[in-house]
């Protein structure tokens, strides 16, 4: 007599291994009572369905409110974080509330969110704020930074190496200066974002332009950061522009040469110290462009 085959219930293992995106498609087809039954299968499904019900089913009444009432609610939320969370509650809320947040920030917050967008490379957000009249040179949003100056969005983008953001801000009229100093270029060189520094150097005719009010030039700082391409750009800029190298430029190159050798070479035994390739290239270029090793 043949034994009866034991039938086993299908294992839910396959369902549990599905990514959240697929689970979301499945649960969206179920009614609320079925979702509650499914949530009792295990802890993972319990928390997933609980969050789904809160976000997409239980807040239907709020989502159905007209825009005017939604904006009234937003105005009564005291913290920016609470407004941002409400904006992310549904696809309908997001453009409505974010437009309010941007307009309010431009009018009452000194366009501080533009610095936030520059830090996180949020180009769409930055464009919207600028379209609404935001100040492209605002210094609101962050505390004192490099050289004890509050950064502008351009300086913030340069500090984090966001090339496209830097280009966009320049195209919309961003200033290269912060309180009379080339802070965006200085921070780009300091953080060794060479491509950003090259973008910010397009308006310079030579490398002997001071970065600070007291001392130090862009060429000297580029040499100190060992940015070979940037040093080459500064040295060749004058020849491309047809300018004649003056005594001041030669002295600047000689000073840069002395500084980089002093920094990289050993005082005890300079001749036996092996120079790095980038230092070697920079020293060679400085000598080829008239730097005098006897001038300090």
C-alpha atoms as a PDB file:
ATOM      1  CA  UNK A   1       0.000   0.000   0.000  1.00  0.00           C
ATOM      2  CA  UNK A   2       1.492   3.227  -1.113  1.00  0.00           C
ATOM      3  CA  UNK A   3       2.228   5.732   1.535  1.00  0.00           C
ATOM      4  CA  UNK A   4       0.470   8.983   1.269  1.00  0.00           C
ATOM      5  CA  UNK A   5       2.835  11.790   0.525  1.00  0.00           C
ATOM      6  CA  UNK A   6       2.943  14.387   3.213  1.00  0.00           C
ATOM      7  CA  UNK A   7       2.070  17.794   1.851  1.00  0.00           C
ATOM      8  CA  UNK A   8       3.932  20.700   3.359  1.00  0.00           C
ATOM      9  CA  UNK A   9       2.826  24.275   3.365  1.00  0.00           C
ATOM     10  CA  UNK A  10       4.936  26.470   1.082  1.00  0.00           C
ATOM     11  CA  UNK A  11       7.746  28.133   2.957  1.00  0.00           C
ATOM     12  CA  UNK A  12       7.619  31.937   3.190  1.00  0.00           C
ATOM     13  CA  UNK A  13      11.402  32.082   2.783  1.00  0.00           C
ATOM     14  CA  UNK A  14      11.169  33.299  -0.809  1.00  0.00           C
ATOM     15  CA  UNK A  15       8.865  36.132   0.184  1.00  0.00           C
ATOM     16  CA  UNK A  16      11.162  37.197   2.988  1.00  0.00           C
ATOM     17  CA  UNK A  17      14.132  37.476   0.653  1.00  0.00           C
ATOM     18  CA  UNK A  18      12.383  39.866  -1.712  1.00  0.00           C
ATOM     19  CA  UNK A  19      13.710  43.442  -1.768  1.00  0.00           C
ATOM     20  CA  UNK A  20      11.533  46.146  -0.261  1.00  0.00           C
ATOM     21  CA  UNK A  21      10.702  47.553  -3.695  1.00  0.00           C
ATOM     22  CA  UNK A  22       9.032  44.262  -4.724  1.00  0.00           C
ATOM     23  CA  UNK A  23       7.301  43.908  -1.354  1.00  0.00           C
ATOM     24  CA  UNK A  24       5.922  47.397  -1.792  1.00  0.00           C
ATOM     25  CA  UNK A  25       4.382  46.413  -5.125  1.00  0.00           C
ATOM     26  CA  UNK A  26       2.814  43.319  -3.566  1.00  0.00           C
ATOM     27  CA  UNK A  27       1.315  44.942  -0.482  1.00  0.00           C
ATOM     28  CA  UNK A  28      -0.077  47.830  -2.521  1.00  0.00           C
ATOM     29  CA  UNK A  29      -2.477  45.313  -4.119  1.00  0.00           C
ATOM     30  CA  UNK A  30      -3.814  44.005  -0.787  1.00  0.00           C
ATOM     31  CA  UNK A  31      -6.634  45.405   1.280  1.00  0.00           C
ATOM     32  CA  UNK A  32      -6.000  46.555   4.840  1.00  0.00           C
ATOM     33  CA  UNK A  33      -7.360  43.399   6.608  1.00  0.00           C
ATOM     34  CA  UNK A  34      -5.113  41.189   4.434  1.00  0.00           C
ATOM     35  CA  UNK A  35      -2.136  43.400   5.217  1.00  0.00           C
ATOM     36  CA  UNK A  36      -2.760  42.946   8.935  1.00  0.00           C
ATOM     37  CA  UNK A  37      -2.844  39.172   8.523  1.00  0.00           C
ATOM     38  CA  UNK A  38       0.384  39.244   6.522  1.00  0.00           C
ATOM     39  CA  UNK A  39       2.065  41.356   9.184  1.00  0.00           C
ATOM     40  CA  UNK A  40       1.671  38.476  11.666  1.00  0.00           C
ATOM     41  CA  UNK A  41       3.974  36.174   9.657  1.00  0.00           C
ATOM     42  CA  UNK A  42       7.216  37.443  11.185  1.00  0.00           C
ATOM     43  CA  UNK A  43       8.918  40.533  12.592  1.00  0.00           C
ATOM     44  CA  UNK A  44      10.293  41.789   9.287  1.00  0.00           C
ATOM     45  CA  UNK A  45       6.880  41.831   7.607  1.00  0.00           C
ATOM     46  CA  UNK A  46       5.303  43.257  10.754  1.00  0.00           C
ATOM     47  CA  UNK A  47       7.502  46.354  10.784  1.00  0.00           C
ATOM     48  CA  UNK A  48       7.429  46.733   6.988  1.00  0.00           C
ATOM     49  CA  UNK A  49       3.623  46.648   6.805  1.00  0.00           C
ATOM     50  CA  UNK A  50       3.248  48.826   9.876  1.00  0.00           C
ATOM     51  CA  UNK A  51       5.353  51.540   8.224  1.00  0.00           C
ATOM     52  CA  UNK A  52       3.495  51.068   4.947  1.00  0.00           C
ATOM     53  CA  UNK A  53       0.077  51.494   6.602  1.00  0.00           C
ATOM     54  CA  UNK A  54       1.190  54.610   8.466  1.00  0.00           C
ATOM     55  CA  UNK A  55       2.672  56.208   5.382  1.00  0.00           C
ATOM     56  CA  UNK A  56       0.225  55.214   2.621  1.00  0.00           C
ATOM     57  CA  UNK A  57      -3.083  54.188   4.201  1.00  0.00           C
ATOM     58  CA  UNK A  58      -3.667  55.843   7.548  1.00  0.00           C
ATOM     59  CA  UNK A  59      -2.787  59.350   6.441  1.00  0.00           C
ATOM     60  CA  UNK A  60      -5.197  59.470   3.520  1.00  0.00           C
ATOM     61  CA  UNK A  61      -7.255  62.146   5.219  1.00  0.00           C
ATOM     62  CA  UNK A  62      -4.258  64.475   5.554  1.00  0.00           C
ATOM     63  CA  UNK A  63      -3.211  63.889   1.955  1.00  0.00           C
ATOM     64  CA  UNK A  64      -6.702  64.747   0.781  1.00  0.00           C
ATOM     65  CA  UNK A  65      -6.602  68.223   2.337  1.00  0.00           C
ATOM     66  CA  UNK A  66      -6.418  71.194  -0.070  1.00  0.00           C
ATOM     67  CA  UNK A  67      -3.104  72.969  -0.588  1.00  0.00           C
ATOM     68  CA  UNK A  68      -4.190  76.004   1.405  1.00  0.00           C
ATOM     69  CA  UNK A  69      -4.719  73.941   4.556  1.00  0.00           C
ATOM     70  CA  UNK A  70      -1.481  72.033   4.050  1.00  0.00           C
ATOM     71  CA  UNK A  71       0.417  75.313   3.877  1.00  0.00           C
ATOM     72  CA  UNK A  72      -1.364  76.519   7.021  1.00  0.00           C
ATOM     73  CA  UNK A  73      -0.105  73.402   8.796  1.00  0.00           C
ATOM     74  CA  UNK A  74       3.415  73.947   7.454  1.00  0.00           C
ATOM     75  CA  UNK A  75       3.479  77.534   8.713  1.00  0.00           C
ATOM     76  CA  UNK A  76       2.664  76.339  12.223  1.00  0.00           C
ATOM     77  CA  UNK A  77       5.505  73.845  12.297  1.00  0.00           C
ATOM     78  CA  UNK A  78       8.268  75.573  14.196  1.00  0.00           C
ATOM     79  CA  UNK A  79      11.279  73.551  13.090  1.00  0.00           C
ATOM     80  CA  UNK A  80      12.745  73.177   9.618  1.00  0.00           C
ATOM     81  CA  UNK A  81      13.245  69.449  10.191  1.00  0.00           C
ATOM     82  CA  UNK A  82       9.537  68.949  10.849  1.00  0.00           C
ATOM     83  CA  UNK A  83       8.650  70.726   7.619  1.00  0.00           C
ATOM     84  CA  UNK A  84      11.106  68.595   5.678  1.00  0.00           C
ATOM     85  CA  UNK A  85       9.682  65.393   7.181  1.00  0.00           C
ATOM     86  CA  UNK A  86       6.155  66.409   6.249  1.00  0.00           C
ATOM     87  CA  UNK A  87       7.326  67.198   2.709  1.00  0.00           C
ATOM     88  CA  UNK A  88       8.650  63.637   2.380  1.00  0.00           C
ATOM     89  CA  UNK A  89       5.383  62.102   3.593  1.00  0.00           C
ATOM     90  CA  UNK A  90       3.956  61.908   0.071  1.00  0.00           C
ATOM     91  CA  UNK A  91       4.800  62.762  -3.522  1.00  0.00           C
ATOM     92  CA  UNK A  92       2.045  65.383  -3.528  1.00  0.00           C
ATOM     93  CA  UNK A  93       3.423  67.175  -0.479  1.00  0.00           C
ATOM     94  CA  UNK A  94       7.037  67.376  -1.579  1.00  0.00           C
ATOM     95  CA  UNK A  95       6.939  70.046  -4.341  1.00  0.00           C
ATOM     96  CA  UNK A  96       4.305  72.079  -2.479  1.00  0.00           C
ATOM     97  CA  UNK A  97       6.102  72.211   0.854  1.00  0.00           C
ATOM     98  CA  UNK A  98       9.626  72.504  -0.538  1.00  0.00           C
ATOM     99  CA  UNK A  99       8.552  75.509  -2.616  1.00  0.00           C
ATOM    100  CA  UNK A 100       7.263  77.107   0.593  1.00  0.00           C
ATOM    101  CA  UNK A 101      10.489  76.225   2.449  1.00  0.00           C
ATOM    102  CA  UNK A 102      12.668  77.739  -0.287  1.00  0.00           C
ATOM    103  CA  UNK A 103      10.623  80.941  -0.531  1.00  0.00           C
ATOM    104  CA  UNK A 104      10.571  81.343   3.248  1.00  0.00           C
ATOM    105  CA  UNK A 105      14.333  80.767   3.433  1.00  0.00           C
ATOM    106  CA  UNK A 106      15.066  83.327   0.695  1.00  0.00           C
ATOM    107  CA  UNK A 107      12.854  85.918   2.363  1.00  0.00           C
ATOM    108  CA  UNK A 108      13.612  85.379   6.040  1.00  0.00           C
ATOM    109  CA  UNK A 109      16.636  83.046   6.253  1.00  0.00           C
ATOM    110  CA  UNK A 110      19.220  84.872   4.181  1.00  0.00           C
ATOM    111  CA  UNK A 111      19.237  82.085   1.530  1.00  0.00           C
ATOM    112  CA  UNK A 112      21.109  79.860   3.990  1.00  0.00           C
ATOM    113  CA  UNK A 113      19.814  76.718   2.253  1.00  0.00           C
ATOM    114  CA  UNK A 114      21.950  77.637  -0.756  1.00  0.00           C
ATOM    115  CA  UNK A 115      25.038  76.860   1.322  1.00  0.00           C
ATOM    116  CA  UNK A 116      23.391  73.579   2.366  1.00  0.00           C
ATOM    117  CA  UNK A 117      22.784  72.699  -1.296  1.00  0.00           C
ATOM    118  CA  UNK A 118      26.362  73.628  -2.223  1.00  0.00           C
ATOM    119  CA  UNK A 119      27.780  71.358   0.484  1.00  0.00           C
ATOM    120  CA  UNK A 120      25.723  68.343  -0.614  1.00  0.00           C
ATOM    121  CA  UNK A 121      25.992  69.041  -4.360  1.00  0.00           C
ATOM    122  CA  UNK A 122      22.200  69.440  -4.735  1.00  0.00           C
ATOM    123  CA  UNK A 123      22.213  71.324  -8.032  1.00  0.00           C
ATOM    124  CA  UNK A 124      18.442  71.171  -8.549  1.00  0.00           C
ATOM    125  CA  UNK A 125      17.817  72.642  -5.117  1.00  0.00           C
ATOM    126  CA  UNK A 126      20.402  75.366  -5.717  1.00  0.00           C
ATOM    127  CA  UNK A 127      18.830  76.297  -9.072  1.00  0.00           C
ATOM    128  CA  UNK A 128      15.386  76.567  -7.478  1.00  0.00           C
ATOM    129  CA  UNK A 129      16.641  78.851  -4.693  1.00  0.00           C
ATOM    130  CA  UNK A 130      18.466  81.071  -7.191  1.00  0.00           C
ATOM    131  CA  UNK A 131      15.370  81.139  -9.430  1.00  0.00           C
ATOM    132  CA  UNK A 132      13.358  82.414  -6.458  1.00  0.00           C
ATOM    133  CA  UNK A 133      15.825  85.269  -5.948  1.00  0.00           C
ATOM    134  CA  UNK A 134      18.272  83.693  -3.533  1.00  0.00           C
ATOM    135  CA  UNK A 135      21.540  85.504  -2.806  1.00  0.00           C
ATOM    136  CA  UNK A 136      24.294  83.630  -4.653  1.00  0.00           C
ATOM    137  CA  UNK A 137      26.902  85.221  -2.351  1.00  0.00           C
ATOM    138  CA  UNK A 138      25.124  84.612   0.955  1.00  0.00           C
ATOM    139  CA  UNK A 139      27.280  83.887   3.992  1.00  0.00           C
ATOM    140  CA  UNK A 140      24.408  82.486   6.045  1.00  0.00           C
ATOM    141  CA  UNK A 141      24.106  78.840   6.960  1.00  0.00           C
ATOM    142  CA  UNK A 142      27.510  77.883   8.357  1.00  0.00           C
ATOM    143  CA  UNK A 143      29.756  79.161  11.177  1.00  0.00           C
ATOM    144  CA  UNK A 144      33.197  80.660  10.685  1.00  0.00           C
ATOM    145  CA  UNK A 145      35.388  78.481   8.475  1.00  0.00           C
ATOM    146  CA  UNK A 146      38.730  78.840   6.687  1.00  0.00           C
ATOM    147  CA  UNK A 147      40.618  82.023   7.587  1.00  0.00           C
ATOM    148  CA  UNK A 148      37.853  82.860  10.101  1.00  0.00           C
ATOM    149  CA  UNK A 149      35.406  83.776   7.346  1.00  0.00           C
ATOM    150  CA  UNK A 150      31.841  82.627   6.855  1.00  0.00           C
ATOM    151  CA  UNK A 151      31.788  80.749   3.532  1.00  0.00           C
ATOM    152  CA  UNK A 152      29.744  81.660   0.501  1.00  0.00           C
ATOM    153  CA  UNK A 153      28.102  78.870  -1.553  1.00  0.00           C
ATOM    154  CA  UNK A 154      31.023  79.039  -4.005  1.00  0.00           C
ATOM    155  CA  UNK A 155      33.533  78.596  -1.194  1.00  0.00           C
ATOM    156  CA  UNK A 156      31.476  75.720   0.222  1.00  0.00           C
ATOM    157  CA  UNK A 157      31.267  73.946  -3.150  1.00  0.00           C
ATOM    158  CA  UNK A 158      35.009  74.490  -3.717  1.00  0.00           C
ATOM    159  CA  UNK A 159      35.861  73.105  -0.278  1.00  0.00           C
ATOM    160  CA  UNK A 160      33.980  69.876  -1.048  1.00  0.00           C
ATOM    161  CA  UNK A 161      35.266  69.601  -4.623  1.00  0.00           C
ATOM    162  CA  UNK A 162      31.913  69.813  -6.457  1.00  0.00           C
ATOM    163  CA  UNK A 163      33.012  70.898  -9.947  1.00  0.00           C
ATOM    164  CA  UNK A 164      29.579  71.202 -11.574  1.00  0.00           C
ATOM    165  CA  UNK A 165      28.208  73.149  -8.629  1.00  0.00           C
ATOM    166  CA  UNK A 166      31.175  75.533  -8.847  1.00  0.00           C
ATOM    167  CA  UNK A 167      30.552  76.100 -12.564  1.00  0.00           C
ATOM    168  CA  UNK A 168      26.837  76.674 -12.025  1.00  0.00           C
ATOM    169  CA  UNK A 169      27.415  79.208  -9.239  1.00  0.00           C
ATOM    170  CA  UNK A 170      29.979  81.081 -11.342  1.00  0.00           C
ATOM    171  CA  UNK A 171      27.538  81.203 -14.257  1.00  0.00           C
ATOM    172  CA  UNK A 172      24.929  82.786 -11.993  1.00  0.00           C
ATOM    173  CA  UNK A 173      27.288  85.545 -10.842  1.00  0.00           C
ATOM    174  CA  UNK A 174      29.010  84.141  -7.755  1.00  0.00           C
ATOM    175  CA  UNK A 175      31.949  86.233  -6.557  1.00  0.00           C
ATOM    176  CA  UNK A 176      35.475  84.825  -6.298  1.00  0.00           C
ATOM    177  CA  UNK A 177      35.995  86.873  -3.135  1.00  0.00           C
ATOM    178  CA  UNK A 178      34.885  86.637   0.482  1.00  0.00           C
ATOM    179  CA  UNK A 179      35.595  89.844   2.390  1.00  0.00           C
ATOM    180  CA  UNK A 180      38.239  90.815  -0.179  1.00  0.00           C
ATOM    181  CA  UNK A 181      40.048  87.444  -0.149  1.00  0.00           C
ATOM    182  CA  UNK A 182      39.998  84.615  -2.695  1.00  0.00           C
ATOM    183  CA  UNK A 183      38.611  82.113  -0.201  1.00  0.00           C
ATOM    184  CA  UNK A 184      37.036  79.741  -2.791  1.00  0.00           C
ATOM    185  CA  UNK A 185      40.353  79.314  -4.620  1.00  0.00           C
ATOM    186  CA  UNK A 186      42.284  79.051  -1.355  1.00  0.00           C
ATOM    187  CA  UNK A 187      40.117  76.244   0.022  1.00  0.00           C
ATOM    188  CA  UNK A 188      40.146  74.385  -3.315  1.00  0.00           C
ATOM    189  CA  UNK A 189      43.964  74.373  -3.292  1.00  0.00           C
ATOM    190  CA  UNK A 190      44.100  73.569   0.420  1.00  0.00           C
ATOM    191  CA  UNK A 191      41.820  70.523  -0.068  1.00  0.00           C
ATOM    192  CA  UNK A 192      43.788  69.567  -3.242  1.00  0.00           C
ATOM    193  CA  UNK A 193      40.753  69.763  -5.537  1.00  0.00           C
ATOM    194  CA  UNK A 194      42.902  70.572  -8.559  1.00  0.00           C
ATOM    195  CA  UNK A 195      40.131  70.669 -11.194  1.00  0.00           C
ATOM    196  CA  UNK A 196      38.076  73.054  -9.073  1.00  0.00           C
ATOM    197  CA  UNK A 197      41.144  75.255  -8.541  1.00  0.00           C
ATOM    198  CA  UNK A 198      41.722  75.335 -12.304  1.00  0.00           C
ATOM    199  CA  UNK A 199      38.126  76.445 -12.874  1.00  0.00           C
ATOM    200  CA  UNK A 200      38.497  79.224 -10.295  1.00  0.00           C
ATOM    201  CA  UNK A 201      41.803  80.334 -11.842  1.00  0.00           C
ATOM    202  CA  UNK A 202      40.433  81.036 -15.314  1.00  0.00           C
ATOM    203  CA  UNK A 203      40.211  84.778 -14.675  1.00  0.00           C
ATOM    204  CA  UNK A 204      43.784  85.083 -13.370  1.00  0.00           C
ATOM    205  CA  UNK A 205      46.519  86.418 -15.653  1.00  0.00           C
ATOM    206  CA  UNK A 206      49.377  85.066 -13.535  1.00  0.00           C
ATOM    207  CA  UNK A 207      50.174  83.086 -10.425  1.00  0.00           C
ATOM    208  CA  UNK A 208      51.561  85.967  -8.361  1.00  0.00           C
ATOM    209  CA  UNK A 209      48.084  87.037  -7.240  1.00  0.00           C
ATOM    210  CA  UNK A 210      47.921  87.156  -3.423  1.00  0.00           C
ATOM    211  CA  UNK A 211      45.478  84.834  -1.702  1.00  0.00           C
ATOM    212  CA  UNK A 212      45.575  86.737   1.555  1.00  0.00           C
ATOM    213  CA  UNK A 213      45.805  90.416   2.349  1.00  0.00           C
ATOM    214  CA  UNK A 214      49.213  89.965   3.967  1.00  0.00           C
ATOM    215  CA  UNK A 215      51.322  87.374   2.145  1.00  0.00           C
ATOM    216  CA  UNK A 216      51.253  84.251  -0.005  1.00  0.00           C
ATOM    217  CA  UNK A 217      50.297  83.876  -3.669  1.00  0.00           C
ATOM    218  CA  UNK A 218      48.282  81.301  -5.563  1.00  0.00           C
ATOM    219  CA  UNK A 219      51.465  79.955  -7.151  1.00  0.00           C
ATOM    220  CA  UNK A 220      53.161  79.465  -3.794  1.00  0.00           C
ATOM    221  CA  UNK A 221      50.111  77.718  -2.366  1.00  0.00           C
ATOM    222  CA  UNK A 222      49.763  75.476  -5.442  1.00  0.00           C
ATOM    223  CA  UNK A 223      53.431  74.495  -5.128  1.00  0.00           C
ATOM    224  CA  UNK A 224      52.957  73.749  -1.438  1.00  0.00           C
ATOM    225  CA  UNK A 225      49.974  71.510  -2.243  1.00  0.00           C
ATOM    226  CA  UNK A 226      52.039  69.794  -4.996  1.00  0.00           C
ATOM    227  CA  UNK A 227      49.373  70.364  -7.661  1.00  0.00           C
ATOM    228  CA  UNK A 228      51.471  69.904 -10.790  1.00  0.00           C
ATOM    229  CA  UNK A 229      48.842  70.813 -13.382  1.00  0.00           C
ATOM    230  CA  UNK A 230      47.818  73.932 -11.498  1.00  0.00           C
ATOM    231  CA  UNK A 231      51.425  75.106 -11.171  1.00  0.00           C
ATOM    232  CA  UNK A 232      51.933  74.501 -14.889  1.00  0.00           C
ATOM    233  CA  UNK A 233      48.796  76.524 -15.653  1.00  0.00           C
ATOM    234  CA  UNK A 234      50.016  79.519 -13.632  1.00  0.00           C
ATOM    235  CA  UNK A 235      53.512  79.456 -15.131  1.00  0.00           C
ATOM    236  CA  UNK A 236      52.302  79.171 -18.694  1.00  0.00           C
ATOM    237  CA  UNK A 237      49.434  81.625 -18.297  1.00  0.00           C
ATOM    238  CA  UNK A 238      51.550  84.731 -18.850  1.00  0.00           C
ATOM    239  CA  UNK A 239      53.243  83.338 -21.957  1.00  0.00           C
ATOM    240  CA  UNK A 240      49.863  82.380 -23.427  1.00  0.00           C
ATOM    241  CA  UNK A 241      48.540  85.870 -22.746  1.00  0.00           C
ATOM    242  CA  UNK A 242      51.627  87.422 -24.350  1.00  0.00           C
ATOM    243  CA  UNK A 243      52.659  89.120 -21.139  1.00  0.00           C
ATOM    244  CA  UNK A 244      56.221  89.805 -20.132  1.00  0.00           C
ATOM    245  CA  UNK A 245      57.483  88.326 -16.893  1.00  0.00           C
ATOM    246  CA  UNK A 246      58.360  91.100 -14.448  1.00  0.00           C
ATOM    247  CA  UNK A 247      60.683  91.161 -11.476  1.00  0.00           C
ATOM    248  CA  UNK A 248      57.825  90.622  -9.061  1.00  0.00           C
ATOM    249  CA  UNK A 249      56.743  87.422 -10.838  1.00  0.00           C
ATOM    250  CA  UNK A 250      60.313  86.102 -10.928  1.00  0.00           C
ATOM    251  CA  UNK A 251      60.694  86.777  -7.222  1.00  0.00           C
ATOM    252  CA  UNK A 252      57.393  84.993  -6.565  1.00  0.00           C
ATOM    253  CA  UNK A 253      58.610  81.932  -8.486  1.00  0.00           C
ATOM    254  CA  UNK A 254      61.936  81.984  -6.650  1.00  0.00           C
ATOM    255  CA  UNK A 255      60.132  82.153  -3.311  1.00  0.00           C
ATOM    256  CA  UNK A 256      57.894  79.243  -4.322  1.00  0.00           C
ATOM    257  CA  UNK A 257      60.982  77.247  -5.295  1.00  0.00           C
ATOM    258  CA  UNK A 258      62.675  77.923  -1.975  1.00  0.00           C
ATOM    259  CA  UNK A 259      59.543  77.038  -0.002  1.00  0.00           C
ATOM    260  CA  UNK A 260      58.894  73.708  -1.720  1.00  0.00           C
ATOM    261  CA  UNK A 261      62.540  72.634  -1.426  1.00  0.00           C
ATOM    262  CA  UNK A 262      62.635  73.680   2.201  1.00  0.00           C
ATOM    263  CA  UNK A 263      59.466  71.733   2.909  1.00  0.00           C
ATOM    264  CA  UNK A 264      60.402  68.544   1.063  1.00  0.00           C
ATOM    265  CA  UNK A 265      64.157  68.372   1.553  1.00  0.00           C
ATOM    266  CA  UNK A 266      66.125  67.335   4.589  1.00  0.00           C
ATOM    267  CA  UNK A 267      68.345  70.026   6.062  1.00  0.00           C
ATOM    268  CA  UNK A 268      70.952  67.467   7.130  1.00  0.00           C
ATOM    269  CA  UNK A 269      71.491  65.699   3.826  1.00  0.00           C
ATOM    270  CA  UNK A 270      69.665  67.351   0.949  1.00  0.00           C
ATOM    271  CA  UNK A 271      71.612  65.661  -1.868  1.00  0.00           C
ATOM    272  CA  UNK A 272      70.828  62.141  -0.663  1.00  0.00           C
ATOM    273  CA  UNK A 273      67.140  62.845  -0.132  1.00  0.00           C
ATOM    274  CA  UNK A 274      64.989  61.444  -2.946  1.00  0.00           C
ATOM    275  CA  UNK A 275      62.411  63.923  -4.164  1.00  0.00           C
ATOM    276  CA  UNK A 276      58.906  62.801  -5.041  1.00  0.00           C
ATOM    277  CA  UNK A 277      57.986  62.893  -8.717  1.00  0.00           C
ATOM    278  CA  UNK A 278      55.476  65.733  -8.323  1.00  0.00           C
ATOM    279  CA  UNK A 279      58.020  67.860  -6.437  1.00  0.00           C
ATOM    280  CA  UNK A 280      60.629  67.144  -9.089  1.00  0.00           C
ATOM    281  CA  UNK A 281      58.260  68.269 -11.860  1.00  0.00           C
ATOM    282  CA  UNK A 282      57.339  71.464 -10.030  1.00  0.00           C
ATOM    283  CA  UNK A 283      60.966  72.350  -9.265  1.00  0.00           C
ATOM    284  CA  UNK A 284      61.934  71.741 -12.879  1.00  0.00           C
ATOM    285  CA  UNK A 285      59.111  73.942 -14.170  1.00  0.00           C
ATOM    286  CA  UNK A 286      59.980  76.754 -11.770  1.00  0.00           C
ATOM    287  CA  UNK A 287      63.632  76.684 -12.886  1.00  0.00           C
ATOM    288  CA  UNK A 288      62.619  76.622 -16.549  1.00  0.00           C
ATOM    289  CA  UNK A 289      60.463  79.707 -15.962  1.00  0.00           C
ATOM    290  CA  UNK A 290      63.203  81.799 -14.388  1.00  0.00           C
ATOM    291  CA  UNK A 291      63.109  80.940 -10.678  1.00  0.00           C
ATOM    292  CA  UNK A 292      66.413  81.722  -8.962  1.00  0.00           C
ATOM    293  CA  UNK A 293      67.466  79.088  -6.371  1.00  0.00           C
ATOM    294  CA  UNK A 294      69.669  81.665  -4.612  1.00  0.00           C
ATOM    295  CA  UNK A 295      66.724  83.939  -3.749  1.00  0.00           C
ATOM    296  CA  UNK A 296      64.715  83.253  -0.606  1.00  0.00           C
END
